Amino acid sequence: MRRLENIRHLPWLLAELIRSGPRTARIETELGRLQAVEQRTARLEGLIEHELSPMLGALVREDAENRRRLHRMRASPQYEDPFTDPDPLVSVLLPTQNRPHLLRTRSLPSILSQSHSRLEVLVVGDHAGPETAEAVKEIGDQRVVYRNLTQRFLVSEDSERHWLAAGSMARNEAMRTARGQWLIAFDDDDEMRPGHVETLLGHAREHQLEVAYGQCCDHRPGVPSEVHGAFPPRPLEFAWQAAIRHAGLRFFEGELVTAALGIPGDWFTLERMLRAGVRFGHVEQVVYDYYPAKVRRRPDGP
């Protein structure tokens, strides 16, 4: 028998054994079993991709229940208050995790200097260190409230996967305690333009929108700044930092499962709202400056 010198010789070797050896029948049986396993594996992969994944995705999105929640929200006596209150309270939700310098020098000053001044700013540490509490204290503004989670939940050991849902628990805690009639989800390393709140709030109230959003100026090292934001809302042309939402939509929480789906959590929230029928509107005006920690790609998940 020829010596096996390379894996490329394997088909030839099997053919030789089948033609000449006394164990031909057994070899043929084993080959048949391998082919059957390969066929079953291919069928299983097809089932997962084309049938099981869409069903699991639908369960995670809760499309039907979200539509019912949205209908109940619109039918409630409090639904019109954010549109009719002459000076509505706006809550800014600000999760943070050990970036006290940016929080103190960029994010918080830009929020607190807004032309619409009736704000509450809910800073929630994702188990942040004591430096974060000191940074908030230095600001010295009574509109700012700081809370800190007792532990940080690691969604995945893979840092890229964890990033997809990072901040979800801290933002959910801020949203849970928010008193405002309108909510803005912001980040600790970005900067609001002075008319951010006033512009979006006015557009939402004038057009009876549940979400109003503007444009962002994207600042990446080494390349010219770019403006993003277009209608209809879609990934890479929409950002929650450039949006204001009706507080009745707080049932759309951040979901940790987005890390398993391979989708950024904010895009997942956007998709769920669109599928439920939330009313969106767009302002062609830059309302905030974005300093990305990651380069985002379009989601491929369910």
C-alpha atoms as a PDB file:
ATOM      1  CA  MET A   1       0.000   0.000   0.000  1.00  0.00           C
ATOM      2  CA  ARG A   2       1.282   3.459  -0.846  1.00  0.00           C
ATOM      3  CA  ARG A   3       2.427   5.576   2.081  1.00  0.00           C
ATOM      4  CA  LEU A   4       0.073   8.416   3.066  1.00  0.00           C
ATOM      5  CA  GLU A   5       2.222  11.543   2.652  1.00  0.00           C
ATOM      6  CA  ASN A   6      -0.474  14.216   2.382  1.00  0.00           C
ATOM      7  CA  ILE A   7      -4.148  14.561   3.239  1.00  0.00           C
ATOM      8  CA  ARG A   8      -4.789  15.073  -0.482  1.00  0.00           C
ATOM      9  CA  HIS A   9      -4.031  11.361  -0.986  1.00  0.00           C
ATOM     10  CA  LEU A  10      -6.947  10.282   1.219  1.00  0.00           C
ATOM     11  CA  PRO A  11      -9.607   9.946  -1.538  1.00  0.00           C
ATOM     12  CA  TRP A  12      -7.192   7.836  -3.603  1.00  0.00           C
ATOM     13  CA  LEU A  13      -6.401   5.642  -0.587  1.00  0.00           C
ATOM     14  CA  LEU A  14     -10.077   5.022   0.139  1.00  0.00           C
ATOM     15  CA  ALA A  15     -10.708   4.133  -3.485  1.00  0.00           C
ATOM     16  CA  GLU A  16      -7.814   1.672  -3.440  1.00  0.00           C
ATOM     17  CA  LEU A  17      -9.113   0.023  -0.287  1.00  0.00           C
ATOM     18  CA  ILE A  18     -12.614  -0.284  -1.693  1.00  0.00           C
ATOM     19  CA  ARG A  19     -11.316  -1.897  -4.908  1.00  0.00           C
ATOM     20  CA  SER A  20      -8.772  -4.293  -3.403  1.00  0.00           C
ATOM     21  CA  GLY A  21      -9.346  -4.964   0.273  1.00  0.00           C
ATOM     22  CA  PRO A  22     -11.460  -7.624   1.968  1.00  0.00           C
ATOM     23  CA  ARG A  23     -13.116  -4.918   4.109  1.00  0.00           C
ATOM     24  CA  THR A  24     -14.775  -3.266   1.126  1.00  0.00           C
ATOM     25  CA  ALA A  25     -18.313  -3.648   2.461  1.00  0.00           C
ATOM     26  CA  ARG A  26     -17.476  -2.088   5.826  1.00  0.00           C
ATOM     27  CA  ILE A  27     -15.655   0.844   4.246  1.00  0.00           C
ATOM     28  CA  GLU A  28     -18.577   1.483   1.917  1.00  0.00           C
ATOM     29  CA  THR A  29     -20.914   1.424   4.915  1.00  0.00           C
ATOM     30  CA  GLU A  30     -18.781   3.933   6.812  1.00  0.00           C
ATOM     31  CA  LEU A  31     -18.633   6.233   3.795  1.00  0.00           C
ATOM     32  CA  GLY A  32     -22.395   6.036   3.481  1.00  0.00           C
ATOM     33  CA  ARG A  33     -22.816   6.941   7.136  1.00  0.00           C
ATOM     34  CA  LEU A  34     -20.499   9.949   6.754  1.00  0.00           C
ATOM     35  CA  GLN A  35     -22.489  11.159   3.750  1.00  0.00           C
ATOM     36  CA  ALA A  36     -25.752  10.753   5.670  1.00  0.00           C
ATOM     37  CA  VAL A  37     -24.375  12.763   8.607  1.00  0.00           C
ATOM     38  CA  GLU A  38     -23.260  15.495   6.223  1.00  0.00           C
ATOM     39  CA  GLN A  39     -26.714  15.638   4.646  1.00  0.00           C
ATOM     40  CA  ARG A  40     -28.448  15.790   8.046  1.00  0.00           C
ATOM     41  CA  THR A  41     -26.088  18.557   9.156  1.00  0.00           C
ATOM     42  CA  ALA A  42     -26.877  20.578   6.030  1.00  0.00           C
ATOM     43  CA  ARG A  43     -30.628  20.126   6.610  1.00  0.00           C
ATOM     44  CA  LEU A  44     -30.252  21.176  10.261  1.00  0.00           C
ATOM     45  CA  GLU A  45     -28.283  24.296   9.303  1.00  0.00           C
ATOM     46  CA  GLY A  46     -30.978  25.208   6.790  1.00  0.00           C
ATOM     47  CA  LEU A  47     -33.704  24.671   9.399  1.00  0.00           C
ATOM     48  CA  ILE A  48     -31.912  26.923  11.903  1.00  0.00           C
ATOM     49  CA  GLU A  49     -31.223  29.668   9.367  1.00  0.00           C
ATOM     50  CA  HIS A  50     -34.561  29.778   7.555  1.00  0.00           C
ATOM     51  CA  GLU A  51     -37.115  28.611  10.117  1.00  0.00           C
ATOM     52  CA  LEU A  52     -35.844  28.533  13.691  1.00  0.00           C
ATOM     53  CA  SER A  53     -33.883  31.831  13.710  1.00  0.00           C
ATOM     54  CA  PRO A  54     -36.825  33.954  12.467  1.00  0.00           C
ATOM     55  CA  MET A  55     -39.117  32.367  15.068  1.00  0.00           C
ATOM     56  CA  LEU A  56     -36.629  32.979  17.897  1.00  0.00           C
ATOM     57  CA  GLY A  57     -36.080  36.518  16.648  1.00  0.00           C
ATOM     58  CA  ALA A  58     -39.830  37.181  16.743  1.00  0.00           C
ATOM     59  CA  LEU A  59     -40.023  35.925  20.336  1.00  0.00           C
ATOM     60  CA  VAL A  60     -37.165  38.164  21.430  1.00  0.00           C
ATOM     61  CA  ARG A  61     -38.582  41.245  19.668  1.00  0.00           C
ATOM     62  CA  GLU A  62     -42.063  40.761  21.197  1.00  0.00           C
ATOM     63  CA  ASP A  63     -43.653  42.403  18.134  1.00  0.00           C
ATOM     64  CA  ALA A  64     -47.259  41.568  18.950  1.00  0.00           C
ATOM     65  CA  GLU A  65     -46.974  42.532  22.610  1.00  0.00           C
ATOM     66  CA  ASN A  66     -45.188  45.778  21.745  1.00  0.00           C
ATOM     67  CA  ARG A  67     -48.027  46.756  19.435  1.00  0.00           C
ATOM     68  CA  ARG A  68     -50.507  46.139  22.251  1.00  0.00           C
ATOM     69  CA  ARG A  69     -48.356  48.155  24.678  1.00  0.00           C
ATOM     70  CA  LEU A  70     -48.183  51.009  22.189  1.00  0.00           C
ATOM     71  CA  HIS A  71     -51.957  51.004  21.721  1.00  0.00           C
ATOM     72  CA  ARG A  72     -52.480  51.062  25.502  1.00  0.00           C
ATOM     73  CA  MET A  73     -50.025  53.936  25.838  1.00  0.00           C
ATOM     74  CA  ARG A  74     -51.875  56.012  23.254  1.00  0.00           C
ATOM     75  CA  ALA A  75     -55.218  55.303  24.903  1.00  0.00           C
ATOM     76  CA  SER A  76     -54.067  56.355  28.379  1.00  0.00           C
ATOM     77  CA  PRO A  77     -55.223  59.702  29.859  1.00  0.00           C
ATOM     78  CA  GLN A  78     -51.577  60.771  30.340  1.00  0.00           C
ATOM     79  CA  TYR A  79     -50.582  60.295  26.700  1.00  0.00           C
ATOM     80  CA  GLU A  80     -51.291  63.910  25.663  1.00  0.00           C
ATOM     81  CA  ASP A  81     -49.504  65.536  28.627  1.00  0.00           C
ATOM     82  CA  PRO A  82     -46.025  65.629  27.002  1.00  0.00           C
ATOM     83  CA  PHE A  83     -47.552  67.430  24.019  1.00  0.00           C
ATOM     84  CA  THR A  84     -49.633  69.957  25.971  1.00  0.00           C
ATOM     85  CA  ASP A  85     -47.534  70.786  29.069  1.00  0.00           C
ATOM     86  CA  PRO A  86     -46.193  74.322  28.469  1.00  0.00           C
ATOM     87  CA  ASP A  87     -42.808  73.500  30.024  1.00  0.00           C
ATOM     88  CA  PRO A  88     -42.286  69.737  30.064  1.00  0.00           C
ATOM     89  CA  LEU A  89     -39.586  68.072  32.118  1.00  0.00           C
ATOM     90  CA  VAL A  90     -36.988  66.295  29.974  1.00  0.00           C
ATOM     91  CA  SER A  91     -34.941  63.436  31.478  1.00  0.00           C
ATOM     92  CA  VAL A  92     -31.475  62.743  30.081  1.00  0.00           C
ATOM     93  CA  LEU A  93     -30.352  59.143  30.661  1.00  0.00           C
ATOM     94  CA  LEU A  94     -26.582  58.961  30.998  1.00  0.00           C
ATOM     95  CA  PRO A  95     -24.867  55.624  31.738  1.00  0.00           C
ATOM     96  CA  THR A  96     -21.166  55.845  32.495  1.00  0.00           C
ATOM     97  CA  GLN A  97     -18.277  53.548  33.330  1.00  0.00           C
ATOM     98  CA  ASN A  98     -15.022  55.078  34.561  1.00  0.00           C
ATOM     99  CA  ARG A  99     -14.724  58.052  32.188  1.00  0.00           C
ATOM    100  CA  PRO A 100     -15.005  60.856  34.750  1.00  0.00           C
ATOM    101  CA  HIS A 101     -12.908  63.341  32.779  1.00  0.00           C
ATOM    102  CA  LEU A 102     -15.125  63.193  29.679  1.00  0.00           C
ATOM    103  CA  LEU A 103     -18.229  63.222  31.835  1.00  0.00           C
ATOM    104  CA  ARG A 104     -17.069  66.353  33.668  1.00  0.00           C
ATOM    105  CA  THR A 105     -15.567  68.284  30.744  1.00  0.00           C
ATOM    106  CA  ARG A 106     -17.691  67.341  27.742  1.00  0.00           C
ATOM    107  CA  SER A 107     -20.974  65.509  28.261  1.00  0.00           C
ATOM    108  CA  LEU A 108     -22.469  67.067  31.391  1.00  0.00           C
ATOM    109  CA  PRO A 109     -21.547  70.702  30.574  1.00  0.00           C
ATOM    110  CA  SER A 110     -23.150  70.376  27.137  1.00  0.00           C
ATOM    111  CA  ILE A 111     -26.356  68.985  28.651  1.00  0.00           C
ATOM    112  CA  LEU A 112     -26.650  71.505  31.462  1.00  0.00           C
ATOM    113  CA  SER A 113     -26.153  74.473  29.124  1.00  0.00           C
ATOM    114  CA  GLN A 114     -29.180  73.598  26.978  1.00  0.00           C
ATOM    115  CA  SER A 115     -31.575  76.383  25.976  1.00  0.00           C
ATOM    116  CA  HIS A 116     -34.400  74.218  27.371  1.00  0.00           C
ATOM    117  CA  SER A 117     -33.381  74.248  31.003  1.00  0.00           C
ATOM    118  CA  ARG A 118     -36.111  72.178  32.663  1.00  0.00           C
ATOM    119  CA  LEU A 119     -34.037  69.009  32.833  1.00  0.00           C
ATOM    120  CA  GLU A 120     -33.164  66.149  35.101  1.00  0.00           C
ATOM    121  CA  VAL A 121     -29.938  64.345  34.297  1.00  0.00           C
ATOM    122  CA  LEU A 122     -29.779  60.773  35.573  1.00  0.00           C
ATOM    123  CA  VAL A 123     -26.166  59.608  35.644  1.00  0.00           C
ATOM    124  CA  VAL A 124     -25.952  55.900  36.420  1.00  0.00           C
ATOM    125  CA  GLY A 125     -22.587  54.273  36.937  1.00  0.00           C
ATOM    126  CA  ASP A 126     -22.145  50.771  35.563  1.00  0.00           C
ATOM    127  CA  HIS A 127     -20.351  49.856  38.811  1.00  0.00           C
ATOM    128  CA  ALA A 128     -18.126  52.896  38.296  1.00  0.00           C
ATOM    129  CA  GLY A 129     -15.281  53.873  40.620  1.00  0.00           C
ATOM    130  CA  PRO A 130     -15.387  56.685  43.185  1.00  0.00           C
ATOM    131  CA  GLU A 131     -13.836  59.132  40.693  1.00  0.00           C
ATOM    132  CA  THR A 132     -17.129  59.184  38.796  1.00  0.00           C
ATOM    133  CA  ALA A 133     -19.109  60.224  41.866  1.00  0.00           C
ATOM    134  CA  GLU A 134     -16.538  62.966  42.520  1.00  0.00           C
ATOM    135  CA  ALA A 135     -16.821  64.227  38.938  1.00  0.00           C
ATOM    136  CA  VAL A 136     -20.596  64.530  39.223  1.00  0.00           C
ATOM    137  CA  LYS A 137     -20.283  66.238  42.605  1.00  0.00           C
ATOM    138  CA  GLU A 138     -17.863  68.806  41.159  1.00  0.00           C
ATOM    139  CA  ILE A 139     -20.502  69.876  38.624  1.00  0.00           C
ATOM    140  CA  GLY A 140     -22.628  71.127  41.520  1.00  0.00           C
ATOM    141  CA  ASP A 141     -25.955  71.241  39.671  1.00  0.00           C
ATOM    142  CA  GLN A 142     -29.070  70.066  41.501  1.00  0.00           C
ATOM    143  CA  ARG A 143     -30.589  68.812  38.236  1.00  0.00           C
ATOM    144  CA  VAL A 144     -27.992  66.023  38.164  1.00  0.00           C
ATOM    145  CA  VAL A 145     -28.706  62.817  40.103  1.00  0.00           C
ATOM    146  CA  TYR A 146     -26.069  60.085  40.440  1.00  0.00           C
ATOM    147  CA  ARG A 147     -26.638  56.400  41.147  1.00  0.00           C
ATOM    148  CA  ASN A 148     -24.212  53.517  40.853  1.00  0.00           C
ATOM    149  CA  LEU A 149     -24.963  49.862  40.156  1.00  0.00           C
ATOM    150  CA  THR A 150     -23.598  47.515  42.804  1.00  0.00           C
ATOM    151  CA  GLN A 151     -22.040  45.221  40.201  1.00  0.00           C
ATOM    152  CA  ARG A 152     -21.257  45.242  36.497  1.00  0.00           C
ATOM    153  CA  PHE A 153     -22.771  42.383  34.538  1.00  0.00           C
ATOM    154  CA  LEU A 154     -20.445  41.052  31.853  1.00  0.00           C
ATOM    155  CA  VAL A 155     -22.712  40.074  28.976  1.00  0.00           C
ATOM    156  CA  SER A 156     -19.978  38.116  27.200  1.00  0.00           C
ATOM    157  CA  GLU A 157     -16.317  37.254  27.729  1.00  0.00           C
ATOM    158  CA  ASP A 158     -15.833  38.460  24.158  1.00  0.00           C
ATOM    159  CA  SER A 159     -15.251  42.225  24.454  1.00  0.00           C
ATOM    160  CA  GLU A 160     -16.779  42.873  21.028  1.00  0.00           C
ATOM    161  CA  ARG A 161     -19.955  40.995  21.991  1.00  0.00           C
ATOM    162  CA  HIS A 162     -20.132  42.725  25.357  1.00  0.00           C
ATOM    163  CA  TRP A 163     -19.848  46.133  23.658  1.00  0.00           C
ATOM    164  CA  LEU A 164     -23.053  45.445  21.697  1.00  0.00           C
ATOM    165  CA  ALA A 165     -25.102  45.544  24.919  1.00  0.00           C
ATOM    166  CA  ALA A 166     -22.776  47.561  27.151  1.00  0.00           C
ATOM    167  CA  GLY A 167     -24.556  50.175  29.240  1.00  0.00           C
ATOM    168  CA  SER A 168     -27.979  48.558  28.840  1.00  0.00           C
ATOM    169  CA  MET A 169     -28.509  47.844  32.526  1.00  0.00           C
ATOM    170  CA  ALA A 170     -27.357  51.299  33.629  1.00  0.00           C
ATOM    171  CA  ARG A 171     -29.538  53.015  31.021  1.00  0.00           C
ATOM    172  CA  ASN A 172     -32.527  50.864  31.975  1.00  0.00           C
ATOM    173  CA  GLU A 173     -32.068  51.896  35.602  1.00  0.00           C
ATOM    174  CA  ALA A 174     -31.981  55.561  34.571  1.00  0.00           C
ATOM    175  CA  MET A 175     -35.116  55.103  32.484  1.00  0.00           C
ATOM    176  CA  ARG A 176     -36.895  53.333  35.340  1.00  0.00           C
ATOM    177  CA  THR A 177     -36.409  56.261  37.702  1.00  0.00           C
ATOM    178  CA  ALA A 178     -36.885  59.091  35.175  1.00  0.00           C
ATOM    179  CA  ARG A 179     -39.634  61.574  36.032  1.00  0.00           C
ATOM    180  CA  GLY A 180     -39.588  63.445  32.727  1.00  0.00           C
ATOM    181  CA  GLN A 181     -42.326  63.472  30.109  1.00  0.00           C
ATOM    182  CA  TRP A 182     -39.643  63.147  27.444  1.00  0.00           C
ATOM    183  CA  LEU A 183     -36.470  61.014  27.486  1.00  0.00           C
ATOM    184  CA  ILE A 184     -33.083  61.422  25.834  1.00  0.00           C
ATOM    185  CA  ALA A 185     -30.561  58.562  25.886  1.00  0.00           C
ATOM    186  CA  PHE A 186     -27.089  60.076  25.837  1.00  0.00           C
ATOM    187  CA  ASP A 187     -23.466  58.947  26.289  1.00  0.00           C
ATOM    188  CA  ASP A 188     -20.739  60.137  28.624  1.00  0.00           C
ATOM    189  CA  ASP A 189     -18.224  60.880  25.834  1.00  0.00           C
ATOM    190  CA  ASP A 190     -20.449  62.857  23.416  1.00  0.00           C
ATOM    191  CA  GLU A 191     -21.541  66.487  23.288  1.00  0.00           C
ATOM    192  CA  MET A 192     -24.933  68.142  22.769  1.00  0.00           C
ATOM    193  CA  ARG A 193     -25.275  71.220  20.593  1.00  0.00           C
ATOM    194  CA  PRO A 194     -26.888  74.113  22.533  1.00  0.00           C
ATOM    195  CA  GLY A 195     -30.331  73.766  20.907  1.00  0.00           C
ATOM    196  CA  HIS A 196     -30.470  69.965  21.006  1.00  0.00           C
ATOM    197  CA  VAL A 197     -33.365  69.602  23.462  1.00  0.00           C
ATOM    198  CA  GLU A 198     -35.346  72.657  22.350  1.00  0.00           C
ATOM    199  CA  THR A 199     -35.186  71.731  18.648  1.00  0.00           C
ATOM    200  CA  LEU A 200     -36.238  68.113  19.053  1.00  0.00           C
ATOM    201  CA  LEU A 201     -38.832  68.844  21.689  1.00  0.00           C
ATOM    202  CA  GLY A 202     -40.448  71.532  19.539  1.00  0.00           C
ATOM    203  CA  HIS A 203     -40.531  69.285  16.476  1.00  0.00           C
ATOM    204  CA  ALA A 204     -42.039  66.353  18.388  1.00  0.00           C
ATOM    205  CA  ARG A 205     -44.748  68.493  19.979  1.00  0.00           C
ATOM    206  CA  GLU A 206     -45.613  70.362  16.783  1.00  0.00           C
ATOM    207  CA  HIS A 207     -46.044  67.196  14.721  1.00  0.00           C
ATOM    208  CA  GLN A 208     -47.383  64.861  17.451  1.00  0.00           C
ATOM    209  CA  LEU A 209     -44.359  62.576  17.128  1.00  0.00           C
ATOM    210  CA  GLU A 210     -43.386  59.907  19.642  1.00  0.00           C
ATOM    211  CA  VAL A 211     -39.735  60.057  18.554  1.00  0.00           C
ATOM    212  CA  ALA A 212     -38.074  63.084  16.959  1.00  0.00           C
ATOM    213  CA  TYR A 213     -34.437  62.935  15.881  1.00  0.00           C
ATOM    214  CA  GLY A 214     -31.852  65.108  14.192  1.00  0.00           C
ATOM    215  CA  GLN A 215     -28.409  64.727  12.703  1.00  0.00           C
ATOM    216  CA  CYS A 216     -25.045  64.051  14.295  1.00  0.00           C
ATOM    217  CA  CYS A 217     -21.547  65.187  13.401  1.00  0.00           C
ATOM    218  CA  ASP A 218     -19.274  62.158  13.451  1.00  0.00           C
ATOM    219  CA  HIS A 219     -15.709  62.893  14.615  1.00  0.00           C
ATOM    220  CA  ARG A 220     -13.182  60.143  13.899  1.00  0.00           C
ATOM    221  CA  PRO A 221      -9.432  60.576  14.354  1.00  0.00           C
ATOM    222  CA  GLY A 222      -7.534  61.169  11.139  1.00  0.00           C
ATOM    223  CA  VAL A 223     -10.516  61.694   8.827  1.00  0.00           C
ATOM    224  CA  PRO A 224     -12.777  64.700   8.062  1.00  0.00           C
ATOM    225  CA  SER A 225     -15.909  65.001  10.176  1.00  0.00           C
ATOM    226  CA  GLU A 226     -19.120  63.691   8.588  1.00  0.00           C
ATOM    227  CA  VAL A 227     -22.776  64.491   9.172  1.00  0.00           C
ATOM    228  CA  HIS A 228     -25.224  61.575   9.478  1.00  0.00           C
ATOM    229  CA  GLY A 229     -28.976  61.494   9.865  1.00  0.00           C
ATOM    230  CA  ALA A 230     -31.735  60.932   7.325  1.00  0.00           C
ATOM    231  CA  PHE A 231     -35.342  59.799   7.065  1.00  0.00           C
ATOM    232  CA  PRO A 232     -36.645  57.121   7.351  1.00  0.00           C
ATOM    233  CA  PRO A 233     -34.690  56.049  10.458  1.00  0.00           C
ATOM    234  CA  ARG A 234     -32.228  53.243   9.845  1.00  0.00           C
ATOM    235  CA  PRO A 235     -28.848  52.106  11.187  1.00  0.00           C
ATOM    236  CA  LEU A 236     -25.995  54.542  10.476  1.00  0.00           C
ATOM    237  CA  GLU A 237     -28.545  57.294   9.746  1.00  0.00           C
ATOM    238  CA  PHE A 238     -30.137  57.318  13.194  1.00  0.00           C
ATOM    239  CA  ALA A 239     -28.725  57.673  16.725  1.00  0.00           C
ATOM    240  CA  TRP A 240     -30.551  57.745  20.039  1.00  0.00           C
ATOM    241  CA  GLN A 241     -28.175  60.462  21.244  1.00  0.00           C
ATOM    242  CA  ALA A 242     -29.755  62.675  18.552  1.00  0.00           C
ATOM    243  CA  ALA A 243     -33.320  61.733  19.505  1.00  0.00           C
ATOM    244  CA  ILE A 244     -36.017  62.546  22.036  1.00  0.00           C
ATOM    245  CA  ARG A 245     -38.766  60.054  22.850  1.00  0.00           C
ATOM    246  CA  HIS A 246     -42.147  60.149  24.549  1.00  0.00           C
ATOM    247  CA  ALA A 247     -41.708  58.793  28.087  1.00  0.00           C
ATOM    248  CA  GLY A 248     -44.546  56.339  27.528  1.00  0.00           C
ATOM    249  CA  LEU A 249     -42.154  54.355  25.325  1.00  0.00           C
ATOM    250  CA  ARG A 250     -40.017  53.352  28.300  1.00  0.00           C
ATOM    251  CA  PHE A 251     -41.221  49.744  27.912  1.00  0.00           C
ATOM    252  CA  PHE A 252     -38.701  49.478  25.048  1.00  0.00           C
ATOM    253  CA  GLU A 253     -35.805  48.657  27.352  1.00  0.00           C
ATOM    254  CA  GLY A 254     -32.268  47.763  26.375  1.00  0.00           C
ATOM    255  CA  GLU A 255     -31.954  43.992  25.948  1.00  0.00           C
ATOM    256  CA  LEU A 256     -28.831  41.995  26.798  1.00  0.00           C
ATOM    257  CA  VAL A 257     -29.773  39.370  24.205  1.00  0.00           C
ATOM    258  CA  THR A 258     -28.501  41.718  21.480  1.00  0.00           C
ATOM    259  CA  ALA A 259     -24.982  40.527  22.308  1.00  0.00           C
ATOM    260  CA  ALA A 260     -25.992  36.972  21.343  1.00  0.00           C
ATOM    261  CA  LEU A 261     -27.751  38.242  18.203  1.00  0.00           C
ATOM    262  CA  GLY A 262     -24.707  40.246  17.134  1.00  0.00           C
ATOM    263  CA  ILE A 263     -26.667  43.536  16.911  1.00  0.00           C
ATOM    264  CA  PRO A 264     -25.906  46.823  18.713  1.00  0.00           C
ATOM    265  CA  GLY A 265     -28.541  47.346  21.388  1.00  0.00           C
ATOM    266  CA  ASP A 266     -29.618  50.793  20.180  1.00  0.00           C
ATOM    267  CA  TRP A 267     -30.262  49.486  16.661  1.00  0.00           C
ATOM    268  CA  PHE A 268     -32.300  46.625  18.120  1.00  0.00           C
ATOM    269  CA  THR A 269     -34.454  49.119  20.053  1.00  0.00           C
ATOM    270  CA  LEU A 270     -34.971  51.177  16.901  1.00  0.00           C
ATOM    271  CA  GLU A 271     -36.059  48.124  14.912  1.00  0.00           C
ATOM    272  CA  ARG A 272     -38.531  47.027  17.589  1.00  0.00           C
ATOM    273  CA  MET A 273     -40.112  50.481  17.682  1.00  0.00           C
ATOM    274  CA  LEU A 274     -40.436  50.620  13.914  1.00  0.00           C
ATOM    275  CA  ARG A 275     -42.051  47.188  13.830  1.00  0.00           C
ATOM    276  CA  ALA A 276     -44.534  48.266  16.503  1.00  0.00           C
ATOM    277  CA  GLY A 277     -45.548  51.406  14.605  1.00  0.00           C
ATOM    278  CA  VAL A 278     -44.023  54.181  16.740  1.00  0.00           C
ATOM    279  CA  ARG A 279     -44.342  57.592  15.039  1.00  0.00           C
ATOM    280  CA  PHE A 280     -40.937  59.033  14.034  1.00  0.00           C
ATOM    281  CA  GLY A 281     -39.984  62.403  12.605  1.00  0.00           C
ATOM    282  CA  HIS A 282     -36.709  63.963  11.469  1.00  0.00           C
ATOM    283  CA  VAL A 283     -35.087  67.404  11.736  1.00  0.00           C
ATOM    284  CA  GLU A 284     -32.342  68.219   9.211  1.00  0.00           C
ATOM    285  CA  GLN A 285     -30.126  69.876  11.775  1.00  0.00           C
ATOM    286  CA  VAL A 286     -27.019  68.708  13.624  1.00  0.00           C
ATOM    287  CA  VAL A 287     -27.929  68.402  17.295  1.00  0.00           C
ATOM    288  CA  TYR A 288     -24.942  66.585  18.754  1.00  0.00           C
ATOM    289  CA  ASP A 289     -21.289  65.689  18.213  1.00  0.00           C
ATOM    290  CA  TYR A 290     -20.377  62.024  18.232  1.00  0.00           C
ATOM    291  CA  TYR A 291     -16.936  60.741  19.218  1.00  0.00           C
ATOM    292  CA  PRO A 292     -17.191  57.001  18.453  1.00  0.00           C
ATOM    293  CA  ALA A 293     -15.388  54.455  20.564  1.00  0.00           C
ATOM    294  CA  LYS A 294     -16.086  51.794  17.902  1.00  0.00           C
ATOM    295  CA  VAL A 295     -16.572  51.749  14.130  1.00  0.00           C
ATOM    296  CA  ARG A 296     -20.071  50.396  13.563  1.00  0.00           C
ATOM    297  CA  ARG A 297     -21.190  48.135  10.761  1.00  0.00           C
ATOM    298  CA  ARG A 298     -24.720  47.348   9.652  1.00  0.00           C
ATOM    299  CA  PRO A 299     -26.326  44.573  11.709  1.00  0.00           C
ATOM    300  CA  ASP A 300     -26.671  41.105  10.203  1.00  0.00           C
ATOM    301  CA  GLY A 301     -28.681  39.504  13.021  1.00  0.00           C
ATOM    302  CA  PRO A 302     -32.356  38.496  13.014  1.00  0.00           C
END
